[in-house]
Amino acid sequence: MTPRRVGLQPHAVDEAELRAAERVIADTKQTGEKKSKEKAPPPWAVRIDPAVVEDVRNADVYLTMLANAAASGLTDKPAPTTVLGMSGLVEAALKRELARLSKRYNDGKPFPRRVTEPRRGRRVG
């Protein structure tokens, strides 16, 4: 069986989505500084479709190469000013989605602090 090739799929990005992504990247850069003497949070594992993981890896490598080529003057393509890496891309996407959900379902306010732990396991429905 031949492995399925997963490529980057172009999609239209509106101005609001672009501005939101830029804000998330700026926030990630600001909060990316090491916290002094704070205990690191425990690792967090989630199941993600392997095709999506492959797309994230492709984007990470492509954006890094594009930024390096632009810095060397080898391309005229617009290059990212910051390359977040895989964790940064995932974190930025989660922040963007949380902001969207908060705006839609909670009047743009942060969600209330939970009183119980989330249910573990596969969701039914």
PDB file of N, CA and C in Angstrom:
ATOM      1  N   MET A   1       0.838  -1.158   0.000  1.00  0.00           N
ATOM      2  CA  MET A   1       0.000   0.000   0.000  1.00  0.00           C
ATOM      3  C   MET A   1       0.897   1.238   0.000  1.00  0.00           C
ATOM      4  N   THR A   2       0.594   2.187  -0.859  1.00  0.00           N
ATOM      5  CA  THR A   2       1.366   3.415  -0.961  1.00  0.00           C
ATOM      6  C   THR A   2       0.838   4.416   0.059  1.00  0.00           C
ATOM      7  N   PRO A   3       1.729   5.062   0.817  1.00  0.00           N
ATOM      8  CA  PRO A   3       1.242   6.047   1.787  1.00  0.00           C
ATOM      9  C   PRO A   3       0.594   7.221   1.063  1.00  0.00           C
ATOM     10  N   ARG A   4      -0.439   7.761   1.678  1.00  0.00           N
ATOM     11  CA  ARG A   4      -1.128   8.913   1.107  1.00  0.00           C
ATOM     12  C   ARG A   4      -0.273  10.155   1.302  1.00  0.00           C
ATOM     13  N   ARG A   5      -0.100  10.915   0.241  1.00  0.00           N
ATOM     14  CA  ARG A   5       0.668  12.156   0.341  1.00  0.00           C
ATOM     15  C   ARG A   5      -0.270  13.265   0.782  1.00  0.00           C
ATOM     16  N   VAL A   6       0.173  13.988   1.747  1.00  0.00           N
ATOM     17  CA  VAL A   6      -0.627  15.085   2.275  1.00  0.00           C
ATOM     18  C   VAL A   6       0.115  16.370   1.981  1.00  0.00           C
ATOM     19  N   GLY A   7      -0.527  17.257   1.289  1.00  0.00           N
ATOM     20  CA  GLY A   7       0.112  18.522   0.951  1.00  0.00           C
ATOM     21  C   GLY A   7      -0.593  19.678   1.611  1.00  0.00           C
ATOM     22  N   LEU A   8      -0.024  20.842   1.480  1.00  0.00           N
ATOM     23  CA  LEU A   8      -0.640  22.040   2.014  1.00  0.00           C
ATOM     24  C   LEU A   8      -1.733  22.487   1.062  1.00  0.00           C
ATOM     25  N   GLN A   9      -2.921  22.658   1.574  1.00  0.00           N
ATOM     26  CA  GLN A   9      -4.048  23.060   0.753  1.00  0.00           C
ATOM     27  C   GLN A   9      -4.253  24.565   0.901  1.00  0.00           C
ATOM     28  N   PRO A  10      -4.212  25.328  -0.204  1.00  0.00           N
ATOM     29  CA  PRO A  10      -4.427  26.765  -0.096  1.00  0.00           C
ATOM     30  C   PRO A  10      -5.877  27.053   0.261  1.00  0.00           C
ATOM     31  N   HIS A  11      -6.098  28.101   1.025  1.00  0.00           N
ATOM     32  CA  HIS A  11      -7.455  28.526   1.327  1.00  0.00           C
ATOM     33  C   HIS A  11      -7.469  30.033   1.464  1.00  0.00           C
ATOM     34  N   ALA A  12      -8.629  30.608   1.212  1.00  0.00           N
ATOM     35  CA  ALA A  12      -8.768  32.054   1.295  1.00  0.00           C
ATOM     36  C   ALA A  12      -8.734  32.488   2.753  1.00  0.00           C
ATOM     37  N   VAL A  13      -8.044  33.575   3.022  1.00  0.00           N
ATOM     38  CA  VAL A  13      -7.956  34.113   4.380  1.00  0.00           C
ATOM     39  C   VAL A  13      -8.471  35.539   4.334  1.00  0.00           C
ATOM     40  N   ASP A  14      -9.503  35.829   5.124  1.00  0.00           N
ATOM     41  CA  ASP A  14     -10.009  37.198   5.126  1.00  0.00           C
ATOM     42  C   ASP A  14      -9.177  38.064   6.074  1.00  0.00           C
ATOM     43  N   GLU A  15      -9.370  39.360   5.994  1.00  0.00           N
ATOM     44  CA  GLU A  15      -8.565  40.305   6.780  1.00  0.00           C
ATOM     45  C   GLU A  15      -8.717  40.090   8.280  1.00  0.00           C
ATOM     46  N   ALA A  16      -9.926  39.821   8.733  1.00  0.00           N
ATOM     47  CA  ALA A  16     -10.151  39.628  10.176  1.00  0.00           C
ATOM     48  C   ALA A  16      -9.386  38.409  10.670  1.00  0.00           C
ATOM     49  N   GLU A  17      -9.403  37.331   9.885  1.00  0.00           N
ATOM     50  CA  GLU A  17      -8.680  36.116  10.262  1.00  0.00           C
ATOM     51  C   GLU A  17      -7.175  36.385  10.302  1.00  0.00           C
ATOM     52  N   LEU A  18      -6.687  37.164   9.342  1.00  0.00           N
ATOM     53  CA  LEU A  18      -5.266  37.493   9.290  1.00  0.00           C
ATOM     54  C   LEU A  18      -4.864  38.343  10.496  1.00  0.00           C
ATOM     55  N   ARG A  19      -5.675  39.350  10.841  1.00  0.00           N
ATOM     56  CA  ARG A  19      -5.366  40.197  12.007  1.00  0.00           C
ATOM     57  C   ARG A  19      -5.403  39.377  13.295  1.00  0.00           C
ATOM     58  N   ALA A  20      -6.378  38.464  13.406  1.00  0.00           N
ATOM     59  CA  ALA A  20      -6.465  37.615  14.595  1.00  0.00           C
ATOM     60  C   ALA A  20      -5.227  36.740  14.718  1.00  0.00           C
ATOM     61  N   ALA A  21      -4.780  36.184  13.600  1.00  0.00           N
ATOM     62  CA  ALA A  21      -3.579  35.337  13.621  1.00  0.00           C
ATOM     63  C   ALA A  21      -2.358  36.155  14.018  1.00  0.00           C
ATOM     64  N   GLU A  22      -2.249  37.392  13.517  1.00  0.00           N
ATOM     65  CA  GLU A  22      -1.107  38.241  13.873  1.00  0.00           C
ATOM     66  C   GLU A  22      -1.113  38.569  15.358  1.00  0.00           C
ATOM     67  N   ARG A  23      -2.315  38.805  15.933  1.00  0.00           N
ATOM     68  CA  ARG A  23      -2.407  39.084  17.375  1.00  0.00           C
ATOM     69  C   ARG A  23      -1.989  37.862  18.186  1.00  0.00           C
ATOM     70  N   VAL A  24      -2.421  36.678  17.742  1.00  0.00           N
ATOM     71  CA  VAL A  24      -2.068  35.448  18.451  1.00  0.00           C
ATOM     72  C   VAL A  24      -0.565  35.233  18.410  1.00  0.00           C
ATOM     73  N   ILE A  25       0.044  35.476  17.253  1.00  0.00           N
ATOM     74  CA  ILE A  25       1.498  35.319  17.126  1.00  0.00           C
ATOM     75  C   ILE A  25       2.204  36.309  18.042  1.00  0.00           C
ATOM     76  N   ALA A  26       1.733  37.564  18.082  1.00  0.00           N
ATOM     77  CA  ALA A  26       2.347  38.563  18.955  1.00  0.00           C
ATOM     78  C   ALA A  26       2.205  38.145  20.424  1.00  0.00           C
ATOM     79  N   ASP A  27       1.013  37.660  20.804  1.00  0.00           N
ATOM     80  CA  ASP A  27       0.801  37.199  22.186  1.00  0.00           C
ATOM     81  C   ASP A  27       1.715  36.038  22.514  1.00  0.00           C
ATOM     82  N   THR A  28       1.862  35.116  21.557  1.00  0.00           N
ATOM     83  CA  THR A  28       2.710  33.937  21.780  1.00  0.00           C
ATOM     84  C   THR A  28       4.157  34.362  21.960  1.00  0.00           C
ATOM     85  N   LYS A  29       4.598  35.348  21.175  1.00  0.00           N
ATOM     86  CA  LYS A  29       5.975  35.833  21.317  1.00  0.00           C
ATOM     87  C   LYS A  29       6.181  36.471  22.677  1.00  0.00           C
ATOM     88  N   GLN A  30       5.193  37.258  23.137  1.00  0.00           N
ATOM     89  CA  GLN A  30       5.335  37.945  24.417  1.00  0.00           C
ATOM     90  C   GLN A  30       5.334  36.964  25.583  1.00  0.00           C
ATOM     91  N   THR A  31       4.452  35.970  25.518  1.00  0.00           N
ATOM     92  CA  THR A  31       4.346  35.037  26.639  1.00  0.00           C
ATOM     93  C   THR A  31       5.311  33.878  26.505  1.00  0.00           C
ATOM     94  N   GLY A  32       6.080  33.840  25.408  1.00  0.00           N
ATOM     95  CA  GLY A  32       7.015  32.747  25.189  1.00  0.00           C
ATOM     96  C   GLY A  32       8.262  32.825  26.041  1.00  0.00           C
ATOM     97  N   GLU A  33       8.416  33.925  26.774  1.00  0.00           N
ATOM     98  CA  GLU A  33       9.588  34.073  27.629  1.00  0.00           C
ATOM     99  C   GLU A  33       9.519  33.068  28.767  1.00  0.00           C
ATOM    100  N   LYS A  34      10.670  32.588  29.185  1.00  0.00           N
ATOM    101  CA  LYS A  34      10.706  31.620  30.271  1.00  0.00           C
ATOM    102  C   LYS A  34      10.252  32.276  31.565  1.00  0.00           C
ATOM    103  N   LYS A  35       9.386  31.586  32.260  1.00  0.00           N
ATOM    104  CA  LYS A  35       8.908  32.068  33.548  1.00  0.00           C
ATOM    105  C   LYS A  35       9.968  31.762  34.595  1.00  0.00           C
ATOM    106  N   SER A  36      10.196  32.713  35.474  1.00  0.00           N
ATOM    107  CA  SER A  36      11.244  32.513  36.469  1.00  0.00           C
ATOM    108  C   SER A  36      10.762  31.597  37.585  1.00  0.00           C
ATOM    109  N   LYS A  37      11.450  30.490  37.749  1.00  0.00           N
ATOM    110  CA  LYS A  37      11.251  29.541  38.836  1.00  0.00           C
ATOM    111  C   LYS A  37       9.822  29.026  38.963  1.00  0.00           C
ATOM    112  N   GLU A  38       9.058  29.009  37.869  1.00  0.00           N
ATOM    113  CA  GLU A  38       7.725  28.434  37.923  1.00  0.00           C
ATOM    114  C   GLU A  38       7.794  26.999  37.448  1.00  0.00           C
ATOM    115  N   LYS A  39       7.009  26.159  38.072  1.00  0.00           N
ATOM    116  CA  LYS A  39       6.977  24.754  37.682  1.00  0.00           C
ATOM    117  C   LYS A  39       6.274  24.637  36.323  1.00  0.00           C
ATOM    118  N   ALA A  40       6.865  23.855  35.431  1.00  0.00           N
ATOM    119  CA  ALA A  40       6.280  23.661  34.109  1.00  0.00           C
ATOM    120  C   ALA A  40       4.980  22.871  34.232  1.00  0.00           C
ATOM    121  N   PRO A  41       3.983  23.206  33.396  1.00  0.00           N
ATOM    122  CA  PRO A  41       2.734  22.446  33.458  1.00  0.00           C
ATOM    123  C   PRO A  41       2.963  21.005  32.992  1.00  0.00           C
ATOM    124  N   PRO A  42       2.126  20.102  33.452  1.00  0.00           N
ATOM    125  CA  PRO A  42       2.297  18.707  33.021  1.00  0.00           C
ATOM    126  C   PRO A  42       2.030  18.582  31.519  1.00  0.00           C
ATOM    127  N   PRO A  43       2.627  17.580  30.860  1.00  0.00           N
ATOM    128  CA  PRO A  43       2.377  17.394  29.434  1.00  0.00           C
ATOM    129  C   PRO A  43       0.901  17.131  29.185  1.00  0.00           C
ATOM    130  N   TRP A  44       0.454  17.517  28.019  1.00  0.00           N
ATOM    131  CA  TRP A  44      -0.942  17.382  27.654  1.00  0.00           C
ATOM    132  C   TRP A  44      -0.998  16.632  26.341  1.00  0.00           C
ATOM    133  N   ALA A  45      -1.667  15.517  26.299  1.00  0.00           N
ATOM    134  CA  ALA A  45      -1.717  14.706  25.087  1.00  0.00           C
ATOM    135  C   ALA A  45      -3.120  14.740  24.495  1.00  0.00           C
ATOM    136  N   VAL A  46      -3.190  14.899  23.195  1.00  0.00           N
ATOM    137  CA  VAL A  46      -4.457  14.855  22.472  1.00  0.00           C
ATOM    138  C   VAL A  46      -4.276  13.993  21.235  1.00  0.00           C
ATOM    139  N   ARG A  47      -5.371  13.438  20.756  1.00  0.00           N
ATOM    140  CA  ARG A  47      -5.321  12.658  19.519  1.00  0.00           C
ATOM    141  C   ARG A  47      -5.670  13.592  18.374  1.00  0.00           C
ATOM    142  N   ILE A  48      -4.796  13.646  17.380  1.00  0.00           N
ATOM    143  CA  ILE A  48      -5.010  14.492  16.210  1.00  0.00           C
ATOM    144  C   ILE A  48      -4.873  13.624  14.972  1.00  0.00           C
ATOM    145  N   ASP A  49      -5.738  13.859  14.018  1.00  0.00           N
ATOM    146  CA  ASP A  49      -5.713  13.124  12.756  1.00  0.00           C
ATOM    147  C   ASP A  49      -4.299  13.179  12.175  1.00  0.00           C
ATOM    148  N   PRO A  50      -3.714  12.024  11.829  1.00  0.00           N
ATOM    149  CA  PRO A  50      -2.354  12.005  11.282  1.00  0.00           C
ATOM    150  C   PRO A  50      -2.173  12.890  10.046  1.00  0.00           C
ATOM    151  N   ALA A  51      -3.218  13.041   9.240  1.00  0.00           N
ATOM    152  CA  ALA A  51      -3.120  13.909   8.060  1.00  0.00           C
ATOM    153  C   ALA A  51      -2.938  15.368   8.485  1.00  0.00           C
ATOM    154  N   VAL A  52      -3.598  15.774   9.565  1.00  0.00           N
ATOM    155  CA  VAL A  52      -3.453  17.148  10.066  1.00  0.00           C
ATOM    156  C   VAL A  52      -2.049  17.340  10.632  1.00  0.00           C
ATOM    157  N   VAL A  53      -1.557  16.347  11.364  1.00  0.00           N
ATOM    158  CA  VAL A  53      -0.199  16.422  11.914  1.00  0.00           C
ATOM    159  C   VAL A  53       0.804  16.565  10.774  1.00  0.00           C
ATOM    160  N   GLU A  54       0.604  15.807   9.715  1.00  0.00           N
ATOM    161  CA  GLU A  54       1.504  15.883   8.554  1.00  0.00           C
ATOM    162  C   GLU A  54       1.454  17.271   7.916  1.00  0.00           C
ATOM    163  N   ASP A  55       0.248  17.858   7.822  1.00  0.00           N
ATOM    164  CA  ASP A  55       0.123  19.220   7.283  1.00  0.00           C
ATOM    165  C   ASP A  55       0.856  20.230   8.162  1.00  0.00           C
ATOM    166  N   VAL A  56       0.765  20.063   9.481  1.00  0.00           N
ATOM    167  CA  VAL A  56       1.457  20.972  10.406  1.00  0.00           C
ATOM    168  C   VAL A  56       2.974  20.837  10.222  1.00  0.00           C
ATOM    169  N   ARG A  57       3.454  19.618  10.110  1.00  0.00           N
ATOM    170  CA  ARG A  57       4.892  19.407   9.881  1.00  0.00           C
ATOM    171  C   ARG A  57       5.331  20.029   8.555  1.00  0.00           C
ATOM    172  N   ASN A  58       4.518  19.823   7.505  1.00  0.00           N
ATOM    173  CA  ASN A  58       4.836  20.416   6.204  1.00  0.00           C
ATOM    174  C   ASN A  58       4.901  21.940   6.302  1.00  0.00           C
ATOM    175  N   ALA A  59       3.928  22.535   6.979  1.00  0.00           N
ATOM    176  CA  ALA A  59       3.897  23.988   7.127  1.00  0.00           C
ATOM    177  C   ALA A  59       5.105  24.477   7.912  1.00  0.00           C
ATOM    178  N   ASP A  60       5.447  23.783   8.993  1.00  0.00           N
ATOM    179  CA  ASP A  60       6.586  24.173   9.823  1.00  0.00           C
ATOM    180  C   ASP A  60       7.876  24.190   9.010  1.00  0.00           C
ATOM    181  N   VAL A  61       8.123  23.119   8.265  1.00  0.00           N
ATOM    182  CA  VAL A  61       9.356  23.034   7.465  1.00  0.00           C
ATOM    183  C   VAL A  61       9.340  24.074   6.354  1.00  0.00           C
ATOM    184  N   TYR A  62       8.195  24.219   5.659  1.00  0.00           N
ATOM    185  CA  TYR A  62       8.107  25.173   4.550  1.00  0.00           C
ATOM    186  C   TYR A  62       8.320  26.601   5.038  1.00  0.00           C
ATOM    187  N   LEU A  63       7.646  26.988   6.129  1.00  0.00           N
ATOM    188  CA  LEU A  63       7.767  28.356   6.636  1.00  0.00           C
ATOM    189  C   LEU A  63       9.179  28.650   7.124  1.00  0.00           C
ATOM    190  N   THR A  64       9.824  27.671   7.742  1.00  0.00           N
ATOM    191  CA  THR A  64      11.211  27.847   8.171  1.00  0.00           C
ATOM    192  C   THR A  64      12.119  28.054   6.967  1.00  0.00           C
ATOM    193  N   MET A  65      11.943  27.232   5.937  1.00  0.00           N
ATOM    194  CA  MET A  65      12.761  27.377   4.723  1.00  0.00           C
ATOM    195  C   MET A  65      12.490  28.723   4.050  1.00  0.00           C
ATOM    196  N   LEU A  66      11.222  29.142   4.012  1.00  0.00           N
ATOM    197  CA  LEU A  66      10.864  30.410   3.393  1.00  0.00           C
ATOM    198  C   LEU A  66      11.479  31.582   4.153  1.00  0.00           C
ATOM    199  N   ALA A  67      11.436  31.535   5.479  1.00  0.00           N
ATOM    200  CA  ALA A  67      12.031  32.605   6.285  1.00  0.00           C
ATOM    201  C   ALA A  67      13.538  32.658   6.075  1.00  0.00           C
ATOM    202  N   ASN A  68      14.187  31.494   6.020  1.00  0.00           N
ATOM    203  CA  ASN A  68      15.634  31.466   5.793  1.00  0.00           C
ATOM    204  C   ASN A  68      15.992  31.980   4.402  1.00  0.00           C
ATOM    205  N   ALA A  69      15.208  31.600   3.401  1.00  0.00           N
ATOM    206  CA  ALA A  69      15.471  32.061   2.032  1.00  0.00           C
ATOM    207  C   ALA A  69      15.278  33.565   1.928  1.00  0.00           C
ATOM    208  N   ALA A  70      14.249  34.087   2.577  1.00  0.00           N
ATOM    209  CA  ALA A  70      13.996  35.527   2.535  1.00  0.00           C
ATOM    210  C   ALA A  70      15.105  36.294   3.249  1.00  0.00           C
ATOM    211  N   ALA A  71      15.561  35.754   4.382  1.00  0.00           N
ATOM    212  CA  ALA A  71      16.637  36.410   5.127  1.00  0.00           C
ATOM    213  C   ALA A  71      17.933  36.436   4.318  1.00  0.00           C
ATOM    214  N   SER A  72      18.109  35.437   3.453  1.00  0.00           N
ATOM    215  CA  SER A  72      19.312  35.368   2.621  1.00  0.00           C
ATOM    216  C   SER A  72      19.143  36.100   1.299  1.00  0.00           C
ATOM    217  N   GLY A  73      17.952  36.654   1.061  1.00  0.00           N
ATOM    218  CA  GLY A  73      17.696  37.358  -0.186  1.00  0.00           C
ATOM    219  C   GLY A  73      17.505  36.432  -1.375  1.00  0.00           C
ATOM    220  N   LEU A  74      17.137  35.182  -1.126  1.00  0.00           N
ATOM    221  CA  LEU A  74      17.010  34.210  -2.209  1.00  0.00           C
ATOM    222  C   LEU A  74      15.597  34.110  -2.770  1.00  0.00           C
ATOM    223  N   THR A  75      14.651  34.835  -2.210  1.00  0.00           N
ATOM    224  CA  THR A  75      13.278  34.781  -2.698  1.00  0.00           C
ATOM    225  C   THR A  75      12.616  36.132  -2.556  1.00  0.00           C
ATOM    226  N   ASP A  76      11.640  36.370  -3.421  1.00  0.00           N
ATOM    227  CA  ASP A  76      10.845  37.597  -3.336  1.00  0.00           C
ATOM    228  C   ASP A  76       9.506  37.344  -2.651  1.00  0.00           C
ATOM    229  N   LYS A  77       9.244  36.091  -2.304  1.00  0.00           N
ATOM    230  CA  LYS A  77       7.987  35.749  -1.639  1.00  0.00           C
ATOM    231  C   LYS A  77       7.939  36.400  -0.260  1.00  0.00           C
ATOM    232  N   PRO A  78       6.734  36.807   0.163  1.00  0.00           N
ATOM    233  CA  PRO A  78       6.628  37.304   1.536  1.00  0.00           C
ATOM    234  C   PRO A  78       6.932  36.171   2.512  1.00  0.00           C
ATOM    235  N   ALA A  79       7.707  36.473   3.505  1.00  0.00           N
ATOM    236  CA  ALA A  79       8.116  35.445   4.462  1.00  0.00           C
ATOM    237  C   ALA A  79       7.582  35.777   5.839  1.00  0.00           C
ATOM    238  N   PRO A  80       7.331  34.755   6.640  1.00  0.00           N
ATOM    239  CA  PRO A  80       6.873  35.012   8.006  1.00  0.00           C
ATOM    240  C   PRO A  80       7.966  35.714   8.810  1.00  0.00           C
ATOM    241  N   THR A  81       7.547  36.642   9.649  1.00  0.00           N
ATOM    242  CA  THR A  81       8.524  37.337  10.491  1.00  0.00           C
ATOM    243  C   THR A  81       8.902  36.472  11.685  1.00  0.00           C
ATOM    244  N   THR A  82       8.010  35.543  12.042  1.00  0.00           N
ATOM    245  CA  THR A  82       8.257  34.633  13.152  1.00  0.00           C
ATOM    246  C   THR A  82       7.839  33.236  12.726  1.00  0.00           C
ATOM    247  N   VAL A  83       8.687  32.274  12.951  1.00  0.00           N
ATOM    248  CA  VAL A  83       8.331  30.877  12.718  1.00  0.00           C
ATOM    249  C   VAL A  83       8.111  30.257  14.083  1.00  0.00           C
ATOM    250  N   LEU A  84       6.887  29.781  14.324  1.00  0.00           N
ATOM    251  CA  LEU A  84       6.510  29.324  15.653  1.00  0.00           C
ATOM    252  C   LEU A  84       6.922  27.893  15.953  1.00  0.00           C
ATOM    253  N   GLY A  85       7.143  27.080  14.946  1.00  0.00           N
ATOM    254  CA  GLY A  85       7.380  25.657  15.181  1.00  0.00           C
ATOM    255  C   GLY A  85       6.053  24.954  15.373  1.00  0.00           C
ATOM    256  N   MET A  86       6.103  23.638  15.493  1.00  0.00           N
ATOM    257  CA  MET A  86       4.860  22.863  15.572  1.00  0.00           C
ATOM    258  C   MET A  86       4.032  23.208  16.810  1.00  0.00           C
ATOM    259  N   SER A  87       4.659  23.282  17.962  1.00  0.00           N
ATOM    260  CA  SER A  87       3.911  23.605  19.183  1.00  0.00           C
ATOM    261  C   SER A  87       3.302  24.993  19.110  1.00  0.00           C
ATOM    262  N   GLY A  88       4.073  25.932  18.583  1.00  0.00           N
ATOM    263  CA  GLY A  88       3.564  27.300  18.449  1.00  0.00           C
ATOM    264  C   GLY A  88       2.389  27.393  17.498  1.00  0.00           C
ATOM    265  N   LEU A  89       2.459  26.652  16.372  1.00  0.00           N
ATOM    266  CA  LEU A  89       1.342  26.640  15.429  1.00  0.00           C
ATOM    267  C   LEU A  89       0.086  26.076  16.081  1.00  0.00           C
ATOM    268  N   VAL A  90       0.241  24.986  16.817  1.00  0.00           N
ATOM    269  CA  VAL A  90      -0.909  24.359  17.475  1.00  0.00           C
ATOM    270  C   VAL A  90      -1.467  25.300  18.543  1.00  0.00           C
ATOM    271  N   GLU A  91      -0.599  25.900  19.333  1.00  0.00           N
ATOM    272  CA  GLU A  91      -1.057  26.811  20.382  1.00  0.00           C
ATOM    273  C   GLU A  91      -1.779  28.016  19.787  1.00  0.00           C
ATOM    274  N   ALA A  92      -1.233  28.579  18.712  1.00  0.00           N
ATOM    275  CA  ALA A  92      -1.870  29.730  18.060  1.00  0.00           C
ATOM    276  C   ALA A  92      -3.245  29.341  17.518  1.00  0.00           C
ATOM    277  N   ALA A  93      -3.359  28.151  16.929  1.00  0.00           N
ATOM    278  CA  ALA A  93      -4.640  27.692  16.396  1.00  0.00           C
ATOM    279  C   ALA A  93      -5.661  27.493  17.519  1.00  0.00           C
ATOM    280  N   LEU A  94      -5.216  26.919  18.643  1.00  0.00           N
ATOM    281  CA  LEU A  94      -6.122  26.728  19.776  1.00  0.00           C
ATOM    282  C   LEU A  94      -6.596  28.069  20.337  1.00  0.00           C
ATOM    283  N   LYS A  95      -5.699  29.022  20.463  1.00  0.00           N
ATOM    284  CA  LYS A  95      -6.080  30.348  20.963  1.00  0.00           C
ATOM    285  C   LYS A  95      -7.076  31.024  20.033  1.00  0.00           C
ATOM    286  N   ARG A  96      -6.839  30.910  18.735  1.00  0.00           N
ATOM    287  CA  ARG A  96      -7.734  31.510  17.739  1.00  0.00           C
ATOM    288  C   ARG A  96      -9.116  30.861  17.812  1.00  0.00           C
ATOM    289  N   GLU A  97      -9.161  29.532  17.944  1.00  0.00           N
ATOM    290  CA  GLU A  97     -10.447  28.835  18.022  1.00  0.00           C
ATOM    291  C   GLU A  97     -11.164  29.152  19.330  1.00  0.00           C
ATOM    292  N   LEU A  98     -10.436  29.233  20.441  1.00  0.00           N
ATOM    293  CA  LEU A  98     -11.062  29.612  21.711  1.00  0.00           C
ATOM    294  C   LEU A  98     -11.656  31.016  21.643  1.00  0.00           C
ATOM    295  N   ALA A  99     -10.946  31.933  20.993  1.00  0.00           N
ATOM    296  CA  ALA A  99     -11.472  33.292  20.840  1.00  0.00           C
ATOM    297  C   ALA A  99     -12.755  33.280  20.009  1.00  0.00           C
ATOM    298  N   ARG A 100     -12.780  32.481  18.950  1.00  0.00           N
ATOM    299  CA  ARG A 100     -13.970  32.383  18.096  1.00  0.00           C
ATOM    300  C   ARG A 100     -15.143  31.802  18.880  1.00  0.00           C
ATOM    301  N   LEU A 101     -14.897  30.707  19.620  1.00  0.00           N
ATOM    302  CA  LEU A 101     -15.961  30.072  20.396  1.00  0.00           C
ATOM    303  C   LEU A 101     -16.467  30.996  21.503  1.00  0.00           C
ATOM    304  N   SER A 102     -15.553  31.698  22.152  1.00  0.00           N
ATOM    305  CA  SER A 102     -15.925  32.631  23.208  1.00  0.00           C
ATOM    306  C   SER A 102     -16.814  33.748  22.652  1.00  0.00           C
ATOM    307  N   LYS A 103     -16.452  34.249  21.490  1.00  0.00           N
ATOM    308  CA  LYS A 103     -17.243  35.317  20.868  1.00  0.00           C
ATOM    309  C   LYS A 103     -18.634  34.810  20.504  1.00  0.00           C
ATOM    310  N   ARG A 104     -18.708  33.586  19.994  1.00  0.00           N
ATOM    311  CA  ARG A 104     -19.982  33.038  19.541  1.00  0.00           C
ATOM    312  C   ARG A 104     -20.890  32.608  20.696  1.00  0.00           C
ATOM    313  N   TYR A 105     -20.316  31.983  21.727  1.00  0.00           N
ATOM    314  CA  TYR A 105     -21.142  31.362  22.758  1.00  0.00           C
ATOM    315  C   TYR A 105     -21.086  32.035  24.125  1.00  0.00           C
ATOM    316  N   ASN A 106     -20.158  32.986  24.330  1.00  0.00           N
ATOM    317  CA  ASN A 106     -20.019  33.567  25.670  1.00  0.00           C
ATOM    318  C   ASN A 106     -19.799  35.076  25.611  1.00  0.00           C
ATOM    319  N   ASP A 107     -20.393  35.732  24.622  1.00  0.00           N
ATOM    320  CA  ASP A 107     -20.310  37.195  24.466  1.00  0.00           C
ATOM    321  C   ASP A 107     -18.879  37.713  24.447  1.00  0.00           C
ATOM    322  N   GLY A 108     -17.941  36.903  23.967  1.00  0.00           N
ATOM    323  CA  GLY A 108     -16.549  37.324  23.847  1.00  0.00           C
ATOM    324  C   GLY A 108     -15.777  37.305  25.158  1.00  0.00           C
ATOM    325  N   LYS A 109     -16.414  36.868  26.224  1.00  0.00           N
ATOM    326  CA  LYS A 109     -15.744  36.805  27.527  1.00  0.00           C
ATOM    327  C   LYS A 109     -15.026  35.464  27.671  1.00  0.00           C
ATOM    328  N   PRO A 110     -14.015  35.409  28.531  1.00  0.00           N
ATOM    329  CA  PRO A 110     -13.374  34.111  28.791  1.00  0.00           C
ATOM    330  C   PRO A 110     -14.406  33.140  29.372  1.00  0.00           C
ATOM    331  N   PHE A 111     -14.241  31.871  29.078  1.00  0.00           N
ATOM    332  CA  PHE A 111     -15.154  30.872  29.630  1.00  0.00           C
ATOM    333  C   PHE A 111     -14.975  30.806  31.138  1.00  0.00           C
ATOM    334  N   PRO A 112     -16.081  30.510  31.874  1.00  0.00           N
ATOM    335  CA  PRO A 112     -15.962  30.414  33.329  1.00  0.00           C
ATOM    336  C   PRO A 112     -15.004  29.300  33.741  1.00  0.00           C
ATOM    337  N   ARG A 113     -14.388  29.493  34.869  1.00  0.00           N
ATOM    338  CA  ARG A 113     -13.466  28.484  35.396  1.00  0.00           C
ATOM    339  C   ARG A 113     -14.244  27.209  35.701  1.00  0.00           C
ATOM    340  N   ARG A 114     -13.682  26.087  35.315  1.00  0.00           N
ATOM    341  CA  ARG A 114     -14.376  24.811  35.506  1.00  0.00           C
ATOM    342  C   ARG A 114     -14.408  24.424  36.981  1.00  0.00           C
ATOM    343  N   VAL A 115     -15.457  23.689  37.351  1.00  0.00           N
ATOM    344  CA  VAL A 115     -15.579  23.211  38.726  1.00  0.00           C
ATOM    345  C   VAL A 115     -15.306  21.714  38.794  1.00  0.00           C
ATOM    346  N   THR A 116     -15.265  21.045  37.645  1.00  0.00           N
ATOM    347  CA  THR A 116     -14.913  19.632  37.575  1.00  0.00           C
ATOM    348  C   THR A 116     -13.915  19.446  36.450  1.00  0.00           C
ATOM    349  N   GLU A 117     -13.266  18.321  36.430  1.00  0.00           N
ATOM    350  CA  GLU A 117     -12.328  18.017  35.347  1.00  0.00           C
ATOM    351  C   GLU A 117     -13.111  17.567  34.122  1.00  0.00           C
ATOM    352  N   PRO A 118     -12.581  17.846  32.922  1.00  0.00           N
ATOM    353  CA  PRO A 118     -13.275  17.395  31.713  1.00  0.00           C
ATOM    354  C   PRO A 118     -13.372  15.872  31.684  1.00  0.00           C
ATOM    355  N   ARG A 119     -14.419  15.386  31.059  1.00  0.00           N
ATOM    356  CA  ARG A 119     -14.597  13.951  30.909  1.00  0.00           C
ATOM    357  C   ARG A 119     -13.515  13.413  29.981  1.00  0.00           C
ATOM    358  N   ARG A 120     -12.924  12.284  30.336  1.00  0.00           N
ATOM    359  CA  ARG A 120     -11.881  11.681  29.512  1.00  0.00           C
ATOM    360  C   ARG A 120     -12.499  10.681  28.549  1.00  0.00           C
ATOM    361  N   GLY A 121     -11.765  10.405  27.479  1.00  0.00           N
ATOM    362  CA  GLY A 121     -12.209   9.379  26.536  1.00  0.00           C
ATOM    363  C   GLY A 121     -12.900   9.966  25.332  1.00  0.00           C
ATOM    364  N   ARG A 122     -13.325   9.088  24.482  1.00  0.00           N
ATOM    365  CA  ARG A 122     -13.943   9.465  23.225  1.00  0.00           C
ATOM    366  C   ARG A 122     -15.346  10.043  23.455  1.00  0.00           C
ATOM    367  N   ARG A 123     -15.629  11.116  22.759  1.00  0.00           N
ATOM    368  CA  ARG A 123     -16.952  11.737  22.839  1.00  0.00           C
ATOM    369  C   ARG A 123     -17.923  10.940  21.977  1.00  0.00           C
ATOM    370  N   VAL A 124     -19.130  10.760  22.455  1.00  0.00           N
ATOM    371  CA  VAL A 124     -20.155  10.045  21.694  1.00  0.00           C
ATOM    372  C   VAL A 124     -21.111  11.082  21.146  1.00  0.00           C
ATOM    373  N   GLY A 125     -21.416  10.957  19.847  1.00  0.00           N
ATOM    374  CA  GLY A 125     -22.417  11.853  19.287  1.00  0.00           C
ATOM    375  C   GLY A 125     -21.951  12.740  18.230  1.00  0.00           C
TER     376      GLY A 125
END
